[in-house]
Amino acid sequence: MAERRAHVVIVVVNLPAERDRRVIRECQALEAAGYRATVVCPRGPGRPTRLPGTAATRIRSFPQPFAGSGVLSFAAEFAWALVAVTARLVALLLTDRVDAVQACNPPDVFWVLALLMRALRRPFVFDHHDLSPELYQCKTAQPRPGVLRILLAFERLSWRCATAVVATNESYRELAIKRGGCDPDRVVVVRNGPSLAEVSRERAPAAEPAADRRHLIVYLGVINPQDHVCAAVLAAERLARLRGVADWRMVIAGDGESLPDLHRLATDRGLDQVVRFTGWLDADAVDGLLRVASIGIQPDPPTRMAELSTMAKTVEYLARGLPVVAVDLLETRRTAAGAAVYVPTGTPHELAVALDRLLDDEPRRTAMRDVARRRFRHHLAWDHQAVTYLELWRRLLGTPDRPAAQPTGQPTGHVAGQATRQPTGQVAGEATSQVAGEPAGGTAGIGRLPAPVAPPPVPRIGHSDDHAASTAPPRRP
């Protein structure tokens, strides 16, 4: 009789799972380790029943009739999501044994499911993608104290009711411990980012024509108000004044609620021939674009949300050895280290000056590319994160160790500039020496999770005359 494989249900409701590359990678890792996986998520175009890039992960989708902006719209959307997810989970519990549930936020309402799973004596994992209270403050001109208190309470319940918490970086881990009161042994770090195979496998020729030798400056990610992509467009205007437009172009790759406004901004500023918008790109198109780019730009403003989040786009840039111009944020510096030039606040002028100097300094770009590749290969690649992720499940479910095969499927869809962003979507006692060479995953785990073996240190690239390129200890908010 065949051995029954443990069944993990993953819940994600802020977008269809087929567009969430982190969830796809998690399911690939679970399958490769011998688990079964099912994803419950909002219904996407085409209503797929199997998660793209996986061998057999099923999708149990639900319609989302509520969409809009404002507190009431979000409340209706999240209340409906909780009802729809609960109905599908109960159906799975009754018809197809569920051994564990992993819920990804936002929203922070699935602690209700945690209570159900605890009553059944089965694990519930909270995969912490976003800081909902900080995100609300970023998106609202005048945050309501009552709403903020509710968000903080729901966040704390999500942390406290979970059997284990997966944080996307060390900052999120420290918040779970300090703000959420979690036992440090219950919180592990699993970062966002592509796998080595995604970056190294053969690709179709790049979309950019070979004859076009202009430098490409690329923004990749979600385009919402809190992402401050308008600063990148306005930086292009100032860069044109500094050096003309003969040797460079800017590409804005992604989608979001601010995209129409950015189109109008570029047209109003006479930048239609300089700034190109691609919309949402699939994985191959993202890879092709980044491989021919010269610089990646990260204009996220210095808010508390951005300070504590690791943006998915940053790791995507580093994976292709792309030098980065970024606002000097705690987790951005921890992630990119010497592979980025840092500006203080992210004004268009600061970004333009940094871009201009870096375009003129080919040796520096070459050195930064080397740092980027080393950081990705030794620390940031999903291959390292999957070790911590699977060790968590082995501890929770008591399943035997099994070598994880490299999945053949590849994630599809665009990078969400998240804190799933990567969120970063990602402040823990991380030594300043770890800025250039931090461990791949969390150093604490469930019970006695072993820390990953520390890889060789990454050489530091220092420029005493330019604070932006230094690898000094990260600033704390």
Protein backbone atom coordinates (compact mmCIF):
# COMPACT_ATOMS: atom_id res chain seq x y z
CA MET A 1 0.00 0.00 0.00
CA ALA A 2 1.41 3.39 -1.00
CA GLU A 3 2.47 5.68 1.81
CA ARG A 4 0.02 8.55 2.32
CA ARG A 5 1.64 11.90 1.63
CA ALA A 6 1.05 14.76 4.05
CA HIS A 7 -1.34 17.36 2.62
CA VAL A 8 -0.69 21.09 3.11
CA VAL A 9 -3.31 23.71 2.19
CA ILE A 10 -1.96 27.19 1.41
CA VAL A 11 -4.31 30.19 1.58
CA VAL A 12 -3.56 33.42 -0.30
CA VAL A 13 -6.24 36.02 -1.01
CA ASN A 14 -4.61 39.28 -2.09
CA LEU A 15 -4.11 37.95 -5.66
CA PRO A 16 -4.63 34.75 -7.66
CA ALA A 17 -2.00 32.17 -6.71
CA GLU A 18 -0.84 31.79 -10.30
CA ARG A 19 0.54 35.34 -10.05
CA ASP A 20 2.21 34.87 -6.67
CA ARG A 21 5.71 33.60 -7.35
CA ARG A 22 6.47 32.99 -3.67
CA VAL A 23 3.49 30.67 -3.31
CA ILE A 24 4.46 28.87 -6.52
CA ARG A 25 7.98 28.30 -5.23
CA GLU A 26 6.67 27.09 -1.87
CA CYS A 27 4.42 24.57 -3.60
CA GLN A 28 7.27 23.42 -5.84
CA ALA A 29 9.41 22.84 -2.74
CA LEU A 30 6.62 20.94 -0.98
CA GLU A 31 6.06 18.70 -4.00
CA ALA A 32 9.77 18.01 -4.41
CA ALA A 33 9.96 16.97 -0.74
CA GLY A 34 7.06 14.54 -1.11
CA TYR A 35 4.13 16.57 0.21
CA ARG A 36 0.81 17.23 -1.48
CA ALA A 37 -0.32 20.84 -1.77
CA THR A 38 -3.59 22.63 -2.47
CA VAL A 39 -3.96 26.39 -2.84
CA VAL A 40 -7.11 28.33 -1.94
CA CYS A 41 -7.14 31.74 -3.63
CA PRO A 42 -9.26 34.26 -5.57
CA ARG A 43 -10.31 33.20 -9.04
CA GLY A 44 -8.01 34.44 -11.78
CA PRO A 45 -8.38 34.70 -15.55
CA GLY A 46 -8.96 31.31 -17.15
CA ARG A 47 -9.89 29.68 -13.83
CA PRO A 48 -6.90 27.29 -13.72
CA THR A 49 -7.31 24.20 -11.56
CA ARG A 50 -3.60 23.37 -11.31
CA LEU A 51 -0.97 25.84 -10.14
CA PRO A 52 1.33 26.74 -13.06
CA GLY A 53 4.91 25.60 -12.60
CA THR A 54 3.94 22.69 -10.32
CA ALA A 55 3.36 19.02 -11.00
CA ALA A 56 0.05 18.52 -9.22
CA THR A 57 -0.79 21.38 -6.86
CA ARG A 58 -4.52 21.98 -7.09
CA ILE A 59 -6.21 25.37 -7.03
CA ARG A 60 -9.51 25.75 -5.19
CA SER A 61 -10.54 29.25 -6.22
CA PHE A 62 -13.41 31.48 -5.20
CA PRO A 63 -15.01 34.52 -6.87
CA GLN A 64 -14.27 37.95 -5.44
CA PRO A 65 -17.34 40.16 -5.95
CA PHE A 66 -16.06 42.94 -3.70
CA ALA A 67 -13.33 45.20 -5.03
CA GLY A 68 -12.66 48.87 -4.57
CA SER A 69 -10.95 51.32 -2.29
CA GLY A 70 -11.71 52.64 1.15
CA VAL A 71 -12.14 51.02 4.52
CA LEU A 72 -15.64 49.66 3.89
CA SER A 73 -14.68 48.09 0.55
CA PHE A 74 -11.65 46.40 2.08
CA ALA A 75 -13.68 45.21 5.05
CA ALA A 76 -16.28 43.66 2.74
CA GLU A 77 -13.59 42.10 0.56
CA PHE A 78 -11.74 40.55 3.48
CA ALA A 79 -14.90 39.37 5.25
CA TRP A 80 -16.02 37.64 2.07
CA ALA A 81 -12.56 36.11 1.60
CA LEU A 82 -12.68 34.69 5.13
CA VAL A 83 -16.11 33.15 4.50
CA ALA A 84 -15.11 31.74 1.09
CA VAL A 85 -11.79 30.36 2.32
CA THR A 86 -13.38 28.79 5.40
CA ALA A 87 -16.01 27.06 3.26
CA ARG A 88 -13.37 25.59 0.94
CA LEU A 89 -11.14 24.54 3.80
CA VAL A 90 -14.00 22.78 5.60
CA ALA A 91 -14.86 20.99 2.35
CA LEU A 92 -11.26 19.83 2.02
CA LEU A 93 -11.17 18.72 5.65
CA LEU A 94 -14.28 16.60 5.07
CA THR A 95 -13.29 15.10 1.71
CA ASP A 96 -9.49 15.06 1.52
CA ARG A 97 -7.55 14.93 4.78
CA VAL A 98 -5.72 18.19 5.48
CA ASP A 99 -2.64 17.80 7.67
CA ALA A 100 -1.72 21.49 7.95
CA VAL A 101 -2.69 24.97 6.75
CA GLN A 102 -0.47 27.88 5.77
CA ALA A 103 -2.15 31.29 5.46
CA CYS A 104 -0.45 34.19 3.71
CA ASN A 105 -1.38 37.75 4.58
CA PRO A 106 -2.77 40.29 3.85
CA PRO A 107 -5.37 40.31 5.30
CA ASP A 108 -4.68 39.31 8.90
CA VAL A 109 -8.03 37.57 9.41
CA PHE A 110 -7.05 33.93 9.18
CA TRP A 111 -6.31 33.49 12.86
CA VAL A 112 -9.90 32.20 12.86
CA LEU A 113 -8.68 29.25 10.79
CA ALA A 114 -5.78 28.85 13.20
CA LEU A 115 -8.28 28.28 16.02
CA LEU A 116 -10.03 25.64 13.92
CA MET A 117 -6.79 23.82 13.11
CA ARG A 118 -5.65 23.99 16.74
CA ALA A 119 -8.94 22.43 17.80
CA LEU A 120 -8.17 19.61 15.35
CA ARG A 121 -4.60 19.38 16.73
CA ARG A 122 -3.10 20.17 13.35
CA PRO A 123 -0.45 22.82 12.55
CA PHE A 124 -1.27 26.29 11.27
CA VAL A 125 1.54 28.38 9.75
CA PHE A 126 1.27 32.16 9.30
CA ASP A 127 3.30 33.24 6.25
CA HIS A 128 3.82 36.93 6.98
CA HIS A 129 4.06 38.78 3.65
CA ASP A 130 3.06 42.33 4.59
CA LEU A 131 2.87 44.61 7.60
CA SER A 132 -0.84 45.44 7.40
CA PRO A 133 -0.82 48.32 9.94
CA GLU A 134 2.14 50.01 8.24
CA LEU A 135 0.64 49.36 4.80
CA TYR A 136 -2.60 51.04 5.88
CA GLN A 137 -0.65 54.07 7.13
CA CYS A 138 1.24 54.27 3.80
CA LYS A 139 -1.91 54.16 1.70
CA THR A 140 -4.05 56.50 3.79
CA ALA A 141 -3.47 60.23 4.07
CA GLN A 142 -5.20 60.38 7.48
CA PRO A 143 -5.21 56.93 9.12
CA ARG A 144 -8.11 56.33 11.49
CA PRO A 145 -6.91 55.38 14.99
CA GLY A 146 -9.74 52.88 15.39
CA VAL A 147 -8.90 51.09 12.15
CA LEU A 148 -5.22 51.03 13.07
CA ARG A 149 -6.02 49.47 16.46
CA ILE A 150 -8.08 46.76 14.76
CA LEU A 151 -5.28 45.99 12.29
CA LEU A 152 -2.74 45.76 15.11
CA ALA A 153 -5.03 43.46 17.09
CA PHE A 154 -5.65 41.18 14.09
CA GLU A 155 -1.93 41.10 13.33
CA ARG A 156 -1.14 40.07 16.90
CA LEU A 157 -3.83 37.38 16.83
CA SER A 158 -2.36 36.04 13.57
CA TRP A 159 1.05 35.75 15.20
CA ARG A 160 -0.13 34.37 18.54
CA CYS A 161 -2.61 31.79 17.22
CA ALA A 162 -0.19 30.26 14.71
CA THR A 163 1.78 27.12 15.43
CA ALA A 164 4.69 28.70 13.56
CA VAL A 165 5.40 31.97 11.76
CA VAL A 166 7.31 32.35 8.50
CA ALA A 167 8.83 35.84 8.20
CA THR A 168 10.18 37.20 4.94
CA ASN A 169 13.19 38.87 6.57
CA GLU A 170 14.85 39.54 9.92
CA SER A 171 12.90 42.75 10.53
CA TYR A 172 9.60 40.90 10.24
CA ARG A 173 10.93 38.18 12.53
CA GLU A 174 11.84 40.72 15.21
CA LEU A 175 8.39 42.32 14.96
CA ALA A 176 6.75 38.93 15.45
CA ILE A 177 8.83 38.45 18.60
CA LYS A 178 8.60 41.97 20.05
CA ARG A 179 5.26 43.29 18.80
CA GLY A 180 3.56 39.92 18.56
CA GLY A 181 4.99 38.28 21.65
CA CYS A 182 5.98 35.15 19.72
CA ASP A 183 8.48 32.68 21.10
CA PRO A 184 11.63 33.14 18.95
CA ASP A 185 11.75 29.38 18.36
CA ARG A 186 8.41 29.60 16.54
CA VAL A 187 9.58 32.15 13.93
CA VAL A 188 11.77 31.32 10.92
CA VAL A 189 12.96 33.51 8.05
CA VAL A 190 12.23 32.45 4.47
CA ARG A 191 13.10 35.20 2.03
CA ASN A 192 11.67 35.90 -1.40
CA GLY A 193 13.61 35.44 -4.60
CA PRO A 194 14.10 33.27 -7.67
CA SER A 195 15.88 29.94 -7.65
CA LEU A 196 19.28 29.32 -9.20
CA ALA A 197 17.59 27.24 -11.89
CA GLU A 198 15.24 30.06 -12.83
CA VAL A 199 18.17 32.37 -13.44
CA SER A 200 20.63 29.91 -15.01
CA ARG A 201 18.38 28.00 -17.41
CA GLU A 202 18.47 28.75 -21.11
CA ARG A 203 16.19 31.53 -22.28
CA ALA A 204 14.88 32.81 -25.54
CA PRO A 205 16.79 35.78 -27.00
CA ALA A 206 16.23 39.04 -25.15
CA ALA A 207 13.40 41.22 -26.36
CA GLU A 208 15.65 44.28 -26.71
CA PRO A 209 17.20 44.57 -30.21
CA ALA A 210 20.92 43.79 -30.26
CA ALA A 211 21.61 46.91 -32.31
CA ASP A 212 20.23 49.12 -29.58
CA ARG A 213 23.25 49.75 -27.38
CA ARG A 214 21.59 52.25 -25.10
CA HIS A 215 21.78 51.65 -21.38
CA LEU A 216 18.50 50.39 -19.95
CA ILE A 217 17.40 51.59 -16.52
CA VAL A 218 14.67 49.25 -15.27
CA TYR A 219 11.96 49.47 -12.64
CA LEU A 220 10.35 46.08 -12.02
CA GLY A 221 7.40 45.51 -9.72
CA VAL A 222 4.03 46.65 -8.49
CA ILE A 223 2.99 50.19 -9.39
CA ASN A 224 0.88 51.50 -6.52
CA PRO A 225 1.05 54.87 -4.73
CA GLN A 226 3.23 53.58 -1.89
CA ASP A 227 5.81 52.30 -4.41
CA HIS A 228 6.70 55.88 -5.42
CA VAL A 229 7.37 54.95 -9.06
CA CYS A 230 6.56 58.54 -10.01
CA ALA A 231 9.99 59.42 -8.60
CA ALA A 232 11.61 57.13 -11.17
CA VAL A 233 9.73 58.82 -14.02
CA LEU A 234 10.63 62.29 -12.76
CA ALA A 235 14.23 61.12 -12.29
CA ALA A 236 14.24 60.27 -16.00
CA GLU A 237 13.25 63.86 -16.75
CA ARG A 238 16.13 65.21 -14.65
CA LEU A 239 18.57 62.65 -16.06
CA ALA A 240 17.72 63.87 -19.55
CA ARG A 241 18.75 67.37 -18.47
CA LEU A 242 22.01 66.08 -16.98
CA ARG A 243 23.26 63.93 -19.87
CA GLY A 244 20.79 64.10 -22.73
CA VAL A 245 18.95 61.00 -23.96
CA ALA A 246 21.29 59.57 -26.59
CA ASP A 247 22.70 56.68 -24.54
CA TRP A 248 19.91 55.51 -22.23
CA ARG A 249 16.24 54.63 -21.86
CA MET A 250 14.05 53.76 -18.87
CA VAL A 251 11.67 50.79 -18.78
CA ILE A 252 8.85 50.57 -16.22
CA ALA A 253 7.78 46.91 -16.04
CA GLY A 254 4.75 46.07 -13.95
CA ASP A 255 1.15 46.92 -13.24
CA GLY A 256 -0.90 48.53 -10.51
CA GLU A 257 -3.41 51.22 -9.68
CA SER A 258 -0.93 54.06 -10.37
CA LEU A 259 -0.01 52.93 -13.89
CA PRO A 260 -2.51 55.21 -15.72
CA ASP A 261 -1.27 58.20 -13.71
CA LEU A 262 2.33 57.39 -14.65
CA HIS A 263 1.41 57.18 -18.34
CA ARG A 264 -0.09 60.66 -18.10
CA LEU A 265 2.91 61.97 -16.15
CA ALA A 266 5.36 60.70 -18.78
CA THR A 267 3.30 62.24 -21.58
CA ASP A 268 2.88 65.57 -19.79
CA ARG A 269 6.65 65.75 -19.23
CA GLY A 270 7.49 64.86 -22.82
CA LEU A 271 9.06 61.53 -21.88
CA ASP A 272 7.18 59.16 -24.16
CA GLN A 273 10.33 58.50 -26.21
CA VAL A 274 12.46 58.00 -23.10
CA VAL A 275 10.26 56.02 -20.68
CA ARG A 276 8.59 52.82 -21.87
CA PHE A 277 5.85 50.95 -19.99
CA THR A 278 5.56 47.19 -20.57
CA GLY A 279 2.71 46.22 -18.26
CA TRP A 280 2.69 42.86 -16.48
CA LEU A 281 5.41 40.47 -17.71
CA ASP A 282 5.75 36.72 -17.41
CA ALA A 283 8.87 35.10 -15.96
CA ASP A 284 10.72 34.70 -19.27
CA ALA A 285 10.06 38.31 -20.26
CA VAL A 286 11.25 39.54 -16.85
CA ASP A 287 14.43 37.54 -17.17
CA GLY A 288 15.07 38.72 -20.72
CA LEU A 289 14.59 42.35 -19.74
CA LEU A 290 16.86 42.22 -16.69
CA ARG A 291 19.62 40.44 -18.60
CA VAL A 292 20.02 43.36 -21.02
CA ALA A 293 19.56 46.11 -18.41
CA SER A 294 22.40 48.22 -17.03
CA ILE A 295 20.84 49.44 -13.75
CA GLY A 296 17.81 48.55 -11.63
CA ILE A 297 16.04 51.32 -9.75
CA GLN A 298 14.21 51.03 -6.42
CA PRO A 299 12.48 54.34 -5.57
CA ASP A 300 10.47 53.16 -2.53
CA PRO A 301 10.27 56.12 -0.12
CA PRO A 302 11.71 56.00 3.42
CA THR A 303 8.51 55.00 5.20
CA ARG A 304 8.46 52.55 8.09
CA MET A 305 6.82 49.99 5.80
CA ALA A 306 9.60 50.29 3.23
CA GLU A 307 12.35 50.37 5.87
CA LEU A 308 11.32 46.99 7.23
CA SER A 309 10.42 45.25 3.97
CA THR A 310 12.57 43.47 1.43
CA MET A 311 11.30 44.27 -2.03
CA ALA A 312 11.05 41.32 -4.40
CA LYS A 313 12.40 43.44 -7.22
CA THR A 314 15.68 43.95 -5.37
CA VAL A 315 16.43 40.23 -5.28
CA GLU A 316 15.35 39.88 -8.92
CA TYR A 317 17.86 42.58 -9.85
CA LEU A 318 20.67 40.95 -7.88
CA ALA A 319 19.91 37.54 -9.35
CA ARG A 320 20.89 38.85 -12.79
CA GLY A 321 23.92 40.74 -11.49
CA LEU A 322 22.22 44.08 -11.95
CA PRO A 323 23.62 47.12 -10.08
CA VAL A 324 20.89 48.94 -8.15
CA VAL A 325 20.16 52.58 -7.35
CA ALA A 326 17.95 52.58 -4.27
CA VAL A 327 16.72 54.67 -1.38
CA ASP A 328 18.79 53.94 1.72
CA LEU A 329 16.45 51.63 3.64
CA LEU A 330 17.36 49.16 6.37
CA GLU A 331 16.32 45.93 4.68
CA THR A 332 17.33 47.10 1.21
CA ARG A 333 20.86 47.68 2.48
CA ARG A 334 20.87 44.32 4.25
CA THR A 335 19.82 42.65 1.02
CA ALA A 336 21.87 44.45 -1.62
CA ALA A 337 24.90 45.54 0.45
CA GLY A 338 27.63 46.68 -1.97
CA ALA A 339 25.56 45.88 -5.05
CA ALA A 340 23.61 49.13 -4.68
CA VAL A 341 24.16 52.88 -4.67
CA TYR A 342 22.05 54.41 -1.92
CA VAL A 343 20.40 57.84 -1.94
CA PRO A 344 19.07 59.46 1.26
CA THR A 345 15.38 60.10 0.55
CA GLY A 346 14.58 59.13 -3.04
CA THR A 347 13.86 62.53 -4.55
CA PRO A 348 13.95 62.60 -8.37
CA HIS A 349 17.08 64.77 -8.22
CA GLU A 350 18.92 62.32 -5.93
CA LEU A 351 18.00 59.38 -8.12
CA ALA A 352 18.99 61.19 -11.32
CA VAL A 353 22.40 62.21 -9.98
CA ALA A 354 23.12 58.67 -8.77
CA LEU A 355 22.05 57.20 -12.11
CA ASP A 356 24.16 59.69 -14.04
CA ARG A 357 27.29 58.92 -12.02
CA LEU A 358 26.81 55.17 -12.22
CA LEU A 359 26.22 55.21 -15.98
CA ASP A 360 29.57 57.00 -16.33
CA ASP A 361 31.44 54.52 -14.11
CA GLU A 362 31.72 51.20 -15.91
CA PRO A 363 34.38 49.72 -13.55
CA ARG A 364 32.13 50.38 -10.59
CA ARG A 365 29.15 48.78 -12.31
CA THR A 366 31.28 45.73 -13.06
CA ALA A 367 32.34 45.41 -9.41
CA MET A 368 28.73 45.83 -8.25
CA ARG A 369 27.59 43.14 -10.68
CA ASP A 370 30.07 40.74 -9.09
CA VAL A 371 28.78 41.52 -5.60
CA ALA A 372 25.18 41.10 -6.77
CA ARG A 373 25.81 37.68 -8.29
CA ARG A 374 27.71 36.47 -5.23
CA ARG A 375 25.01 37.63 -2.83
CA PHE A 376 22.34 35.92 -4.84
CA ARG A 377 24.25 32.71 -5.40
CA HIS A 378 25.45 32.26 -1.81
CA HIS A 379 22.68 33.84 0.29
CA LEU A 380 19.50 34.99 -1.42
CA ALA A 381 18.52 32.33 -3.97
CA TRP A 382 15.33 30.41 -3.25
CA ASP A 383 17.40 27.20 -3.04
CA HIS A 384 18.73 28.40 0.34
CA GLN A 385 15.31 29.54 1.54
CA ALA A 386 13.67 26.23 0.62
CA VAL A 387 15.98 24.40 3.05
CA THR A 388 14.60 26.39 5.99
CA TYR A 389 11.04 26.19 4.67
CA LEU A 390 11.07 22.40 4.30
CA GLU A 391 12.81 21.88 7.64
CA LEU A 392 9.92 23.76 9.24
CA TRP A 393 7.39 21.38 7.72
CA ARG A 394 9.41 18.31 8.66
CA ARG A 395 9.43 19.47 12.27
CA LEU A 396 5.72 20.31 12.30
CA LEU A 397 4.45 17.20 10.53
CA GLY A 398 7.08 14.72 11.68
CA THR A 399 7.67 13.52 8.15
CA PRO A 400 10.95 11.79 7.29
CA ASP A 401 13.75 13.68 5.61
CA ARG A 402 13.74 13.36 1.87
CA PRO A 403 16.15 15.03 -0.58
CA ALA A 404 14.35 17.78 -2.43
CA ALA A 405 14.52 17.38 -6.18
CA GLN A 406 14.82 20.47 -8.32
CA PRO A 407 11.34 21.14 -9.74
CA THR A 408 11.11 21.35 -13.49
CA GLY A 409 8.28 23.86 -13.52
CA GLN A 410 9.14 27.53 -13.30
CA PRO A 411 7.12 30.25 -11.65
CA THR A 412 5.07 32.36 -13.94
CA GLY A 413 3.92 35.93 -13.64
CA HIS A 414 5.50 39.20 -12.72
CA VAL A 415 7.43 40.06 -9.62
CA ALA A 416 5.26 41.69 -7.03
CA GLY A 417 7.28 44.39 -5.36
CA GLN A 418 6.07 43.10 -2.11
CA ALA A 419 6.82 43.07 1.44
CA THR A 420 5.17 39.73 -1.00
CA ARG A 421 7.01 42.39 -0.69
CA GLN A 422 9.18 40.45 -0.43
CA PRO A 423 8.29 42.33 1.15
CA THR A 424 9.67 42.13 1.75
CA GLY A 425 8.33 41.86 1.60
CA GLN A 426 11.95 41.57 5.49
CA VAL A 427 14.56 44.34 12.91
CA ALA A 428 16.36 41.13 14.36
CA GLY A 429 19.69 40.88 16.10
CA GLU A 430 21.58 40.76 12.86
CA ALA A 431 25.23 41.69 13.23
CA THR A 432 26.44 44.51 11.06
CA SER A 433 29.01 42.19 9.53
CA GLN A 434 26.12 40.23 8.09
CA VAL A 435 25.18 43.05 5.75
CA ALA A 436 27.57 41.63 3.19
CA GLY A 437 27.19 38.00 4.14
CA GLU A 438 24.12 37.03 6.13
CA PRO A 439 22.86 33.47 6.44
CA ALA A 440 20.36 32.29 3.88
CA GLY A 441 17.49 31.77 6.30
CA GLY A 442 16.39 32.28 9.85
CA THR A 443 18.67 31.26 12.65
CA ALA A 444 15.89 30.06 14.88
CA GLY A 445 13.21 27.53 14.21
CA ILE A 446 10.58 25.17 15.54
CA GLY A 447 11.99 23.22 18.40
CA ARG A 448 15.63 23.06 17.40
CA LEU A 449 15.78 23.94 13.76
CA PRO A 450 19.42 24.04 12.71
CA ALA A 451 20.78 27.24 11.26
CA PRO A 452 21.84 26.95 7.62
CA VAL A 453 25.55 26.61 7.01
CA ALA A 454 27.02 30.08 6.55
CA PRO A 455 28.36 30.58 3.02
CA PRO A 456 31.65 32.30 2.24
CA PRO A 457 31.65 36.06 2.93
CA VAL A 458 30.98 38.43 0.08
CA PRO A 459 33.72 40.97 -0.70
CA ARG A 460 32.76 44.51 0.20
CA ILE A 461 32.88 47.27 -2.35
CA GLY A 462 33.61 50.56 -0.59
CA HIS A 463 33.79 54.12 -1.93
CA SER A 464 34.91 56.52 0.74
CA ASP A 465 33.82 59.51 -1.33
CA ASP A 466 30.29 58.26 -1.87
CA HIS A 467 28.10 57.27 1.06
CA ALA A 468 25.65 55.67 -1.34
CA ALA A 469 28.05 52.88 -2.22
CA SER A 470 29.40 52.20 1.25
CA THR A 471 28.71 49.00 3.12
CA ALA A 472 28.55 50.70 6.49
CA PRO A 473 26.27 49.18 9.11
CA PRO A 474 22.60 49.56 8.17
CA ARG A 475 20.65 52.46 9.54
CA ARG A 476 17.94 51.51 11.98
CA PRO A 477 14.56 53.26 11.85
